[in-house]
PDB file of N, CA and C in Angstrom:
ATOM      1  N   MET A   1     148.488 190.177  41.374  1.00  0.00           N
ATOM      2  CA  MET A   1     148.157 189.689  42.406  1.00  0.00           C
ATOM      3  C   MET A   1     146.961 188.814  42.078  1.00  0.00           C
ATOM      4  N   ILE A   2     146.056 190.191  41.010  1.00  0.00           N
ATOM      5  CA  ILE A   2     144.432 188.952  40.630  1.00  0.00           C
ATOM      6  C   ILE A   2     145.524 187.724  39.821  1.00  0.00           C
ATOM      7  N   THR A   3     145.901 187.952  38.983  1.00  0.00           N
ATOM      8  CA  THR A   3     146.214 186.936  38.385  1.00  0.00           C
ATOM      9  C   THR A   3     146.779 185.941  39.122  1.00  0.00           C
ATOM     10  N   ARG A   4     147.761 186.141  40.197  1.00  0.00           N
ATOM     11  CA  ARG A   4     147.812 184.862  40.548  1.00  0.00           C
ATOM     12  C   ARG A   4     146.715 183.942  41.339  1.00  0.00           C
ATOM     13  N   ILE A   5     145.497 184.741  41.664  1.00  0.00           N
ATOM     14  CA  ILE A   5     145.059 184.289  42.986  1.00  0.00           C
ATOM     15  C   ILE A   5     143.700 183.631  41.509  1.00  0.00           C
ATOM     16  N   LEU A   6     143.175 183.965  40.257  1.00  0.00           N
ATOM     17  CA  LEU A   6     143.262 183.111  39.141  1.00  0.00           C
ATOM     18  C   LEU A   6     144.208 181.850  38.809  1.00  0.00           C
ATOM     19  N   VAL A   7     145.398 181.986  39.437  1.00  0.00           N
ATOM     20  CA  VAL A   7     146.134 181.067  38.943  1.00  0.00           C
ATOM     21  C   VAL A   7     145.565 179.666  39.788  1.00  0.00           C
ATOM     22  N   VAL A   8     145.791 180.098  40.794  1.00  0.00           N
ATOM     23  CA  VAL A   8     145.562 179.275  41.918  1.00  0.00           C
ATOM     24  C   VAL A   8     144.161 179.011  42.170  1.00  0.00           C
ATOM     25  N   GLY A   9     143.074 179.643  41.941  1.00  0.00           N
ATOM     26  CA  GLY A   9     141.987 179.126  41.897  1.00  0.00           C
ATOM     27  C   GLY A   9     141.356 178.213  40.924  1.00  0.00           C
ATOM     28  N   LEU A  10     142.379 178.248  39.310  1.00  0.00           N
ATOM     29  CA  LEU A  10     142.187 177.299  38.454  1.00  0.00           C
ATOM     30  C   LEU A  10     142.788 175.865  38.891  1.00  0.00           C
ATOM     31  N   ALA A  11     144.339 176.302  39.740  1.00  0.00           N
ATOM     32  CA  ALA A  11     144.193 174.626  39.750  1.00  0.00           C
ATOM     33  C   ALA A  11     144.010 173.875  40.730  1.00  0.00           C
ATOM     34  N   LEU A  12     143.380 174.674  41.672  1.00  0.00           N
ATOM     35  CA  LEU A  12     142.326 173.819  42.459  1.00  0.00           C
ATOM     36  C   LEU A  12     141.222 173.392  41.600  1.00  0.00           C
ATOM     37  N   THR A  13     140.867 174.098  41.074  1.00  0.00           N
ATOM     38  CA  THR A  13     139.252 173.726  40.318  1.00  0.00           C
ATOM     39  C   THR A  13     139.586 171.990  40.054  1.00  0.00           C
ATOM     40  N   VAL A  14     140.966 172.263  39.036  1.00  0.00           N
ATOM     41  CA  VAL A  14     141.362 171.530  38.074  1.00  0.00           C
ATOM     42  C   VAL A  14     141.794 169.995  38.890  1.00  0.00           C
ATOM     43  N   ALA A  15     142.316 170.378  40.431  1.00  0.00           N
ATOM     44  CA  ALA A  15     142.801 169.655  41.247  1.00  0.00           C
ATOM     45  C   ALA A  15     141.667 168.695  41.345  1.00  0.00           C
ATOM     46  N   ALA A  16     140.726 169.632  42.178  1.00  0.00           N
ATOM     47  CA  ALA A  16     139.212 168.702  42.770  1.00  0.00           C
ATOM     48  C   ALA A  16     138.466 167.992  41.260  1.00  0.00           C
ATOM     49  N   CYS A  17     138.682 167.907  40.308  1.00  0.00           N
ATOM     50  CA  CYS A  17     137.741 167.160  38.995  1.00  0.00           C
ATOM     51  C   CYS A  17     139.007 166.141  38.594  1.00  0.00           C
ATOM     52  N   ALA A  18     140.463 166.134  39.050  1.00  0.00           N
ATOM     53  CA  ALA A  18     140.623 165.220  38.556  1.00  0.00           C
ATOM     54  C   ALA A  18     140.892 163.648  39.749  1.00  0.00           C
ATOM     55  N   PRO A  19     141.153 162.661  38.429  1.00  0.00           N
ATOM     56  CA  PRO A  19     140.242 161.162  38.919  1.00  0.00           C
ATOM     57  C   PRO A  19     140.994 160.729  40.127  1.00  0.00           C
ATOM     58  N   VAL A  20     140.425 160.083  41.160  1.00  0.00           N
ATOM     59  CA  VAL A  20     141.385 159.975  42.617  1.00  0.00           C
ATOM     60  C   VAL A  20     141.066 158.289  42.490  1.00  0.00           C
ATOM     61  N   GLY A  21     142.476 157.422  42.613  1.00  0.00           N
ATOM     62  CA  GLY A  21     143.323 156.232  42.456  1.00  0.00           C
ATOM     63  C   GLY A  21     143.263 155.465  40.977  1.00  0.00           C
ATOM     64  N   ASP A  22     142.810 155.039  40.213  1.00  0.00           N
ATOM     65  CA  ASP A  22     143.594 154.677  39.040  1.00  0.00           C
ATOM     66  C   ASP A  22     143.522 155.581  37.773  1.00  0.00           C
ATOM     67  N   ALA A  23     143.851 154.919  36.840  1.00  0.00           N
ATOM     68  CA  ALA A  23     143.524 155.973  35.671  1.00  0.00           C
ATOM     69  C   ALA A  23     142.185 156.414  35.865  1.00  0.00           C
ATOM     70  N   ASN A  24     141.764 154.870  35.188  1.00  0.00           N
ATOM     71  CA  ASN A  24     140.352 154.962  34.946  1.00  0.00           C
ATOM     72  C   ASN A  24     138.954 156.008  35.823  1.00  0.00           C
ATOM     73  N   GLY A  25     139.675 155.919  37.010  1.00  0.00           N
ATOM     74  CA  GLY A  25     138.598 157.086  38.016  1.00  0.00           C
ATOM     75  C   GLY A  25     138.174 156.546  38.655  1.00  0.00           C
ATOM     76  N   ILE A  26     138.511 154.908  38.932  1.00  0.00           N
ATOM     77  CA  ILE A  26     137.913 153.929  39.978  1.00  0.00           C
ATOM     78  C   ILE A  26     138.922 154.261  41.031  1.00  0.00           C
ATOM     79  N   SER A  27     138.004 154.907  42.724  1.00  0.00           N
ATOM     80  CA  SER A  27     139.118 154.603  43.976  1.00  0.00           C
ATOM     81  C   SER A  27     139.172 153.372  43.773  1.00  0.00           C
ATOM     82  N   ARG A  28     140.148 153.317  44.712  1.00  0.00           N
ATOM     83  CA  ARG A  28     140.301 151.881  45.574  1.00  0.00           C
ATOM     84  C   ARG A  28     139.790 151.779  46.906  1.00  0.00           C
ATOM     85  N   LEU A  29     139.242 150.343  46.855  1.00  0.00           N
ATOM     86  CA  LEU A  29     138.076 150.368  47.891  1.00  0.00           C
ATOM     87  C   LEU A  29     138.936 149.209  48.815  1.00  0.00           C
ATOM     88  N   GLY A  30     138.715 148.980  49.866  1.00  0.00           N
ATOM     89  CA  GLY A  30     139.413 147.797  50.258  1.00  0.00           C
ATOM     90  C   GLY A  30     140.695 147.463  50.423  1.00  0.00           C
ATOM     91  N   ASN A  31     141.177 146.127  50.365  1.00  0.00           N
ATOM     92  CA  ASN A  31     142.570 145.689  50.156  1.00  0.00           C
ATOM     93  C   ASN A  31     141.860 144.409  48.740  1.00  0.00           C
ATOM     94  N   ASN A  32     141.287 144.641  47.776  1.00  0.00           N
ATOM     95  CA  ASN A  32     140.633 143.972  46.671  1.00  0.00           C
ATOM     96  C   ASN A  32     140.865 142.393  46.889  1.00  0.00           C
ATOM     97  N   LEU A  33     140.504 142.584  48.033  1.00  0.00           N
ATOM     98  CA  LEU A  33     139.643 140.629  48.276  1.00  0.00           C
ATOM     99  C   LEU A  33     137.883 141.083  47.707  1.00  0.00           C
ATOM    100  N   PRO A  34     137.718 139.390  47.616  1.00  0.00           N
ATOM    101  CA  PRO A  34     136.326 139.766  47.362  1.00  0.00           C
ATOM    102  C   PRO A  34     135.327 140.273  48.784  1.00  0.00           C
ATOM    103  N   ALA A  35     134.636 140.408  49.184  1.00  0.00           N
ATOM    104  CA  ALA A  35     133.667 140.729  49.627  1.00  0.00           C
ATOM    105  C   ALA A  35     133.813 139.832  51.294  1.00  0.00           C
ATOM    106  N   ASP A  36     133.270 138.365  50.345  1.00  0.00           N
ATOM    107  CA  ASP A  36     133.224 137.286  51.272  1.00  0.00           C
ATOM    108  C   ASP A  36     133.524 135.721  50.750  1.00  0.00           C
ATOM    109  N   PRO A  37     134.637 135.799  50.815  1.00  0.00           N
ATOM    110  CA  PRO A  37     135.405 134.716  49.685  1.00  0.00           C
ATOM    111  C   PRO A  37     134.861 133.478  50.273  1.00  0.00           C
ATOM    112  N   MET A  38     134.639 132.898  51.155  1.00  0.00           N
ATOM    113  CA  MET A  38     134.181 131.625  51.557  1.00  0.00           C
ATOM    114  C   MET A  38     132.393 131.597  52.098  1.00  0.00           C
ATOM    115  N   PRO A  39     131.944 130.674  51.778  1.00  0.00           N
ATOM    116  CA  PRO A  39     130.577 130.959  52.196  1.00  0.00           C
ATOM    117  C   PRO A  39     130.319 130.515  53.629  1.00  0.00           C
ATOM    118  N   ARG A  40     129.536 131.620  54.170  1.00  0.00           N
ATOM    119  CA  ARG A  40     129.145 130.942  55.584  1.00  0.00           C
ATOM    120  C   ARG A  40     127.911 130.062  55.536  1.00  0.00           C
ATOM    121  N   ALA A  41     127.780 128.982  56.690  1.00  0.00           N
ATOM    122  CA  ALA A  41     126.916 128.060  56.679  1.00  0.00           C
ATOM    123  C   ALA A  41     125.409 129.094  57.989  1.00  0.00           C
ATOM    124  N   THR A  42     124.312 129.035  57.061  1.00  0.00           N
ATOM    125  CA  THR A  42     123.385 129.832  57.531  1.00  0.00           C
ATOM    126  C   THR A  42     122.966 128.826  59.169  1.00  0.00           C
ATOM    127  N   PRO A  43     122.968 129.810  60.567  1.00  0.00           N
ATOM    128  CA  PRO A  43     122.120 128.908  61.421  1.00  0.00           C
ATOM    129  C   PRO A  43     121.184 128.212  61.060  1.00  0.00           C
ATOM    130  N   GLN A  44     120.961 127.202  61.517  1.00  0.00           N
ATOM    131  CA  GLN A  44     119.682 126.346  61.923  1.00  0.00           C
ATOM    132  C   GLN A  44     119.258 126.378  63.137  1.00  0.00           C
ATOM    133  N   PRO A  45     117.810 126.119  63.060  1.00  0.00           N
ATOM    134  CA  PRO A  45     117.017 126.935  64.336  1.00  0.00           C
ATOM    135  C   PRO A  45     116.940 125.629  64.947  1.00  0.00           C
ATOM    136  N   ALA A  46     117.043 125.377  66.364  1.00  0.00           N
ATOM    137  CA  ALA A  46     117.303 123.900  67.140  1.00  0.00           C
ATOM    138  C   ALA A  46     116.132 123.067  67.131  1.00  0.00           C
ATOM    139  N   LEU A  47     116.589 122.122  66.973  1.00  0.00           N
ATOM    140  CA  LEU A  47     115.483 121.222  66.497  1.00  0.00           C
ATOM    141  C   LEU A  47     114.595 120.562  67.954  1.00  0.00           C
ATOM    142  N   LEU A  48     113.208 120.837  68.156  1.00  0.00           N
ATOM    143  CA  LEU A  48     112.995 120.695  69.559  1.00  0.00           C
ATOM    144  C   LEU A  48     112.356 118.853  69.138  1.00  0.00           C
ATOM    145  N   THR A  49     112.480 118.297  70.207  1.00  0.00           N
ATOM    146  CA  THR A  49     111.875 116.952  69.897  1.00  0.00           C
ATOM    147  C   THR A  49     109.719 116.934  70.163  1.00  0.00           C
ATOM    148  N   ALA A  50     109.579 116.013  70.103  1.00  0.00           N
ATOM    149  CA  ALA A  50     107.942 115.912  70.396  1.00  0.00           C
ATOM    150  C   ALA A  50     107.583 116.476  72.087  1.00  0.00           C
ATOM    151  N   LYS A  51     108.403 115.958  73.098  1.00  0.00           N
ATOM    152  CA  LYS A  51     108.215 116.430  74.668  1.00  0.00           C
ATOM    153  C   LYS A  51     107.964 117.896  74.448  1.00  0.00           C
ATOM    154  N   GLU A  52     109.281 118.386  73.775  1.00  0.00           N
ATOM    155  CA  GLU A  52     109.437 119.400  74.461  1.00  0.00           C
ATOM    156  C   GLU A  52     108.410 120.278  73.324  1.00  0.00           C
ATOM    157  N   ARG A  53     107.788 120.388  71.972  1.00  0.00           N
ATOM    158  CA  ARG A  53     106.973 120.996  71.560  1.00  0.00           C
ATOM    159  C   ARG A  53     105.973 120.394  72.287  1.00  0.00           C
ATOM    160  N   LEU A  54     105.412 119.646  72.992  1.00  0.00           N
ATOM    161  CA  LEU A  54     104.101 119.630  73.501  1.00  0.00           C
ATOM    162  C   LEU A  54     104.092 120.565  74.888  1.00  0.00           C
ATOM    163  N   VAL A  55     105.129 120.142  75.712  1.00  0.00           N
ATOM    164  CA  VAL A  55     105.426 121.087  76.677  1.00  0.00           C
ATOM    165  C   VAL A  55     105.128 122.320  76.428  1.00  0.00           C
ATOM    166  N   GLY A  56     105.887 123.121  74.904  1.00  0.00           N
ATOM    167  CA  GLY A  56     106.091 124.371  75.053  1.00  0.00           C
ATOM    168  C   GLY A  56     104.206 124.220  74.562  1.00  0.00           C
ATOM    169  N   ALA A  57     103.441 123.838  73.734  1.00  0.00           N
ATOM    170  CA  ALA A  57     102.185 124.104  73.474  1.00  0.00           C
ATOM    171  C   ALA A  57     101.103 124.309  74.918  1.00  0.00           C
ATOM    172  N   ILE A  58     101.349 123.202  75.569  1.00  0.00           N
ATOM    173  CA  ILE A  58     100.568 123.381  76.899  1.00  0.00           C
ATOM    174  C   ILE A  58     100.898 124.462  77.807  1.00  0.00           C
ATOM    175  N   GLU A  59     102.279 125.141  77.666  1.00  0.00           N
ATOM    176  CA  GLU A  59     102.379 126.579  78.138  1.00  0.00           C
ATOM    177  C   GLU A  59     101.962 127.684  77.652  1.00  0.00           C
ATOM    178  N   ALA A  60     101.442 127.720  76.818  1.00  0.00           N
ATOM    179  CA  ALA A  60     101.285 128.712  75.643  1.00  0.00           C
ATOM    180  C   ALA A  60      99.657 128.679  75.579  1.00  0.00           C
ATOM    181  N   ASN A  61      98.869 126.906  76.060  1.00  0.00           N
ATOM    182  CA  ASN A  61      97.295 127.520  76.611  1.00  0.00           C
ATOM    183  C   ASN A  61      97.157 127.406  78.033  1.00  0.00           C
ATOM    184  N   ASP A  62      97.158 128.367  78.663  1.00  0.00           N
ATOM    185  CA  ASP A  62      97.268 128.206  79.659  1.00  0.00           C
ATOM    186  C   ASP A  62      97.666 127.691  81.049  1.00  0.00           C
ATOM    187  N   CYS A  63      98.863 126.403  80.314  1.00  0.00           N
ATOM    188  CA  CYS A  63      99.777 125.689  81.262  1.00  0.00           C
ATOM    189  C   CYS A  63      98.969 124.700  81.527  1.00  0.00           C
ATOM    190  N   ALA A  64      97.786 124.131  80.829  1.00  0.00           N
ATOM    191  CA  ALA A  64      97.195 123.109  80.914  1.00  0.00           C
ATOM    192  C   ALA A  64      96.539 122.136  79.504  1.00  0.00           C
ATOM    193  N   LEU A  65      96.506 120.800  79.625  1.00  0.00           N
ATOM    194  CA  LEU A  65      95.797 120.662  78.527  1.00  0.00           C
ATOM    195  C   LEU A  65      94.685 120.030  78.677  1.00  0.00           C
ATOM    196  N   THR A  66      93.293 120.509  78.453  1.00  0.00           N
ATOM    197  CA  THR A  66      92.204 119.426  78.439  1.00  0.00           C
ATOM    198  C   THR A  66      91.350 119.373  77.183  1.00  0.00           C
ATOM    199  N   ALA A  67      89.924 118.882  77.748  1.00  0.00           N
ATOM    200  CA  ALA A  67      89.221 118.527  76.600  1.00  0.00           C
ATOM    201  C   ALA A  67      88.752 119.422  75.518  1.00  0.00           C
ATOM    202  N   GLY A  68      89.081 120.885  76.192  1.00  0.00           N
ATOM    203  CA  GLY A  68      88.620 122.011  75.422  1.00  0.00           C
ATOM    204  C   GLY A  68      89.522 122.560  74.694  1.00  0.00           C
ATOM    205  N   ASN A  69      90.851 122.422  74.938  1.00  0.00           N
ATOM    206  CA  ASN A  69      91.533 122.738  74.016  1.00  0.00           C
ATOM    207  C   ASN A  69      92.985 121.709  73.197  1.00  0.00           C
ATOM    208  N   VAL A  70      92.130 120.721  73.241  1.00  0.00           N
ATOM    209  CA  VAL A  70      93.347 119.639  72.837  1.00  0.00           C
ATOM    210  C   VAL A  70      93.748 119.419  71.266  1.00  0.00           C
ATOM    211  N   GLY A  71      93.050 119.937  70.610  1.00  0.00           N
ATOM    212  CA  GLY A  71      92.895 120.328  69.597  1.00  0.00           C
ATOM    213  C   GLY A  71      94.248 121.465  69.209  1.00  0.00           C
ATOM    214  N   ASN A  72      94.079 122.263  69.539  1.00  0.00           N
ATOM    215  CA  ASN A  72      94.800 123.405  69.689  1.00  0.00           C
ATOM    216  C   ASN A  72      96.618 122.971  70.205  1.00  0.00           C
ATOM    217  N   VAL A  73      96.085 122.648  71.233  1.00  0.00           N
ATOM    218  CA  VAL A  73      97.144 122.123  72.064  1.00  0.00           C
ATOM    219  C   VAL A  73      98.364 121.105  70.694  1.00  0.00           C
ATOM    220  N   LEU A  74      97.536 120.188  70.069  1.00  0.00           N
ATOM    221  CA  LEU A  74      98.239 118.793  69.238  1.00  0.00           C
ATOM    222  C   LEU A  74      98.559 119.564  67.993  1.00  0.00           C
ATOM    223  N   THR A  75      98.067 120.768  67.484  1.00  0.00           N
ATOM    224  CA  THR A  75      98.139 121.181  66.384  1.00  0.00           C
ATOM    225  C   THR A  75      99.333 122.339  66.530  1.00  0.00           C
ATOM    226  N   GLN A  76      99.657 122.854  67.772  1.00  0.00           N
ATOM    227  CA  GLN A  76     100.779 123.385  68.027  1.00  0.00           C
ATOM    228  C   GLN A  76     101.929 122.995  67.717  1.00  0.00           C
ATOM    229  N   ALA A  77     101.963 121.572  68.806  1.00  0.00           N
ATOM    230  CA  ALA A  77     102.709 120.493  69.016  1.00  0.00           C
ATOM    231  C   ALA A  77     103.267 119.834  67.579  1.00  0.00           C
ATOM    232  N   THR A  78     102.180 119.843  66.547  1.00  0.00           N
ATOM    233  CA  THR A  78     102.457 119.257  65.757  1.00  0.00           C
ATOM    234  C   THR A  78     102.838 117.676  66.291  1.00  0.00           C
ATOM    235  N   ILE A  79     101.853 117.001  66.974  1.00  0.00           N
ATOM    236  CA  ILE A  79     101.950 115.717  66.913  1.00  0.00           C
ATOM    237  C   ILE A  79     100.872 115.070  66.950  1.00  0.00           C
ATOM    238  N   SER A  80     100.576 114.261  67.066  1.00  0.00           N
ATOM    239  CA  SER A  80      98.674 113.161  66.957  1.00  0.00           C
ATOM    240  C   SER A  80      98.429 112.828  67.707  1.00  0.00           C
ATOM    241  N   ARG A  81      97.170 112.342  68.216  1.00  0.00           N
ATOM    242  CA  ARG A  81      96.764 111.812  69.787  1.00  0.00           C
ATOM    243  C   ARG A  81      97.644 110.591  69.904  1.00  0.00           C
ATOM    244  N   GLU A  82      98.129 109.908  69.244  1.00  0.00           N
ATOM    245  CA  GLU A  82      98.748 108.463  69.074  1.00  0.00           C
ATOM    246  C   GLU A  82      99.760 108.878  69.972  1.00  0.00           C
ATOM    247  N   GLU A  83     100.731 109.639  69.518  1.00  0.00           N
ATOM    248  CA  GLU A  83     101.907 110.126  69.690  1.00  0.00           C
ATOM    249  C   GLU A  83     101.588 111.164  71.528  1.00  0.00           C
ATOM    250  N   LEU A  84     100.477 111.731  71.585  1.00  0.00           N
ATOM    251  CA  LEU A  84      99.945 112.355  72.840  1.00  0.00           C
ATOM    252  C   LEU A  84     100.301 111.308  73.919  1.00  0.00           C
ATOM    253  N   ALA A  85      99.193 110.401  73.661  1.00  0.00           N
ATOM    254  CA  ALA A  85      99.223 108.637  74.520  1.00  0.00           C
ATOM    255  C   ALA A  85     100.494 108.437  75.352  1.00  0.00           C
ATOM    256  N   GLY A  86     101.348 108.413  74.316  1.00  0.00           N
ATOM    257  CA  GLY A  86     102.433 107.655  74.892  1.00  0.00           C
ATOM    258  C   GLY A  86     103.698 108.942  75.445  1.00  0.00           C
ATOM    259  N   ILE A  87     103.849 110.227  74.567  1.00  0.00           N
ATOM    260  CA  ILE A  87     104.351 111.163  75.580  1.00  0.00           C
ATOM    261  C   ILE A  87     103.863 111.494  76.752  1.00  0.00           C
ATOM    262  N   VAL A  88     103.230 111.267  77.434  1.00  0.00           N
ATOM    263  CA  VAL A  88     102.031 112.329  78.582  1.00  0.00           C
ATOM    264  C   VAL A  88     102.772 111.017  79.529  1.00  0.00           C
ATOM    265  N   PRO A  89     102.809 109.508  79.765  1.00  0.00           N
ATOM    266  CA  PRO A  89     103.125 108.956  80.614  1.00  0.00           C
ATOM    267  C   PRO A  89     104.936 109.306  80.829  1.00  0.00           C
ATOM    268  N   GLU A  90     105.367 109.772  79.965  1.00  0.00           N
ATOM    269  CA  GLU A  90     106.983 109.547  80.249  1.00  0.00           C
ATOM    270  C   GLU A  90     107.242 110.644  81.057  1.00  0.00           C
ATOM    271  N   LEU A  91     106.190 112.372  80.375  1.00  0.00           N
ATOM    272  CA  LEU A  91     106.221 113.649  81.008  1.00  0.00           C
ATOM    273  C   LEU A  91     106.291 113.301  82.536  1.00  0.00           C
ATOM    274  N   GLN A  92     105.297 112.562  82.859  1.00  0.00           N
ATOM    275  CA  GLN A  92     104.816 112.328  84.382  1.00  0.00           C
ATOM    276  C   GLN A  92     105.747 111.591  85.020  1.00  0.00           C
ATOM    277  N   ALA A  93     106.373 110.444  84.049  1.00  0.00           N
ATOM    278  CA  ALA A  93     107.256 109.951  85.282  1.00  0.00           C
ATOM    279  C   ALA A  93     108.817 110.522  85.071  1.00  0.00           C
ATOM    280  N   GLU A  94     108.616 111.730  84.335  1.00  0.00           N
ATOM    281  CA  GLU A  94     110.074 112.814  84.583  1.00  0.00           C
ATOM    282  C   GLU A  94     109.374 114.356  85.474  1.00  0.00           C
ATOM    283  N   GLY A  95     108.156 113.978  86.248  1.00  0.00           N
ATOM    284  CA  GLY A  95     108.093 114.915  86.723  1.00  0.00           C
ATOM    285  C   GLY A  95     107.879 116.189  85.936  1.00  0.00           C
ATOM    286  N   ARG A  96     107.288 116.142  84.827  1.00  0.00           N
ATOM    287  CA  ARG A  96     107.414 117.467  84.241  1.00  0.00           C
ATOM    288  C   ARG A  96     105.956 117.789  83.819  1.00  0.00           C
ATOM    289  N   VAL A  97     105.086 116.763  84.167  1.00  0.00           N
ATOM    290  CA  VAL A  97     103.506 117.152  83.920  1.00  0.00           C
ATOM    291  C   VAL A  97     103.045 116.196  85.019  1.00  0.00           C
ATOM    292  N   GLU A  98     101.591 116.458  85.840  1.00  0.00           N
ATOM    293  CA  GLU A  98     100.401 115.930  86.164  1.00  0.00           C
ATOM    294  C   GLU A  98      98.951 115.730  86.013  1.00  0.00           C
ATOM    295  N   ALA A  99      98.798 114.905  86.244  1.00  0.00           N
ATOM    296  CA  ALA A  99      97.133 114.716  85.696  1.00  0.00           C
ATOM    297  C   ALA A  99      96.456 114.840  86.871  1.00  0.00           C
ATOM    298  N   SER A 100      95.308 115.577  86.616  1.00  0.00           N
ATOM    299  CA  SER A 100      94.273 115.435  88.018  1.00  0.00           C
ATOM    300  C   SER A 100      93.222 114.621  87.011  1.00  0.00           C
ATOM    301  N   ASP A 101      92.433 114.238  88.562  1.00  0.00           N
ATOM    302  CA  ASP A 101      90.870 113.426  88.458  1.00  0.00           C
ATOM    303  C   ASP A 101      89.956 113.508  87.313  1.00  0.00           C
ATOM    304  N   ASN A 102      89.835 114.842  86.680  1.00  0.00           N
ATOM    305  CA  ASN A 102      89.070 115.360  85.882  1.00  0.00           C
ATOM    306  C   ASN A 102      89.678 115.206  84.529  1.00  0.00           C
ATOM    307  N   GLY A 103      90.982 114.732  84.435  1.00  0.00           N
ATOM    308  CA  GLY A 103      91.553 114.686  83.138  1.00  0.00           C
ATOM    309  C   GLY A 103      92.329 115.450  82.573  1.00  0.00           C
ATOM    310  N   THR A 104      92.251 116.746  83.200  1.00  0.00           N
ATOM    311  CA  THR A 104      93.158 117.716  83.138  1.00  0.00           C
ATOM    312  C   THR A 104      94.944 117.651  83.425  1.00  0.00           C
ATOM    313  N   ILE A 105      95.704 117.731  82.426  1.00  0.00           N
ATOM    314  CA  ILE A 105      96.947 117.417  82.173  1.00  0.00           C
ATOM    315  C   ILE A 105      98.032 118.814  82.634  1.00  0.00           C
ATOM    316  N   ARG A 106      98.119 119.244  83.518  1.00  0.00           N
ATOM    317  CA  ARG A 106      99.489 120.770  83.477  1.00  0.00           C
ATOM    318  C   ARG A 106     100.991 120.291  83.990  1.00  0.00           C
ATOM    319  N   VAL A 107     101.260 121.800  82.699  1.00  0.00           N
ATOM    320  CA  VAL A 107     102.839 121.195  82.880  1.00  0.00           C
ATOM    321  C   VAL A 107     103.007 122.083  84.347  1.00  0.00           C
ATOM    322  N   ILE A 108     104.585 121.672  84.331  1.00  0.00           N
ATOM    323  CA  ILE A 108     104.942 121.649  86.243  1.00  0.00           C
ATOM    324  C   ILE A 108     106.922 122.492  85.477  1.00  0.00           C
ATOM    325  N   SER A 109     106.141 123.777  85.282  1.00  0.00           N
ATOM    326  CA  SER A 109     107.574 124.410  84.601  1.00  0.00           C
ATOM    327  C   SER A 109     108.069 125.847  85.479  1.00  0.00           C
ATOM    328  N   ASP A 110     109.044 126.465  85.011  1.00  0.00           N
ATOM    329  CA  ASP A 110     109.194 127.762  85.491  1.00  0.00           C
ATOM    330  C   ASP A 110     108.028 128.739  85.333  1.00  0.00           C
ATOM    331  N   ARG A 111     107.352 128.376  83.823  1.00  0.00           N
ATOM    332  CA  ARG A 111     106.392 129.478  83.325  1.00  0.00           C
ATOM    333  C   ARG A 111     105.252 129.019  83.544  1.00  0.00           C
ATOM    334  N   CYS A 112     104.471 128.035  84.369  1.00  0.00           N
ATOM    335  CA  CYS A 112     103.389 127.486  84.769  1.00  0.00           C
ATOM    336  C   CYS A 112     103.739 127.450  86.080  1.00  0.00           C
ATOM    337  N   ILE A 113     103.375 128.363  87.410  1.00  0.00           N
ATOM    338  CA  ILE A 113     102.842 127.982  88.857  1.00  0.00           C
ATOM    339  C   ILE A 113     101.702 127.488  89.166  1.00  0.00           C
TER     340      ILE A 113
END
């Protein structure tokens, strides 16, 4: 009886040490296909127009473009003063900004009330 128990225990021990998979001891993983056979395109960020960048920069600066924050707004929007002079009338015509008598330009959007 003890001999049978020892033989079964020995057989289980040997079976546990046997290689899994092919003869080299490397187990089969997956279906032998490469992980990603086709290169995938990296999604590109949406490109914003100068108008969208300007509106976003003004919104980030308390929804107003003033003489005090014009430098910050231009830097954030990555536009020049010359571009600003051309964009503001276009935004006014579209109803997206309004200019006050003191020179402040306010954005009219859902983020700025």
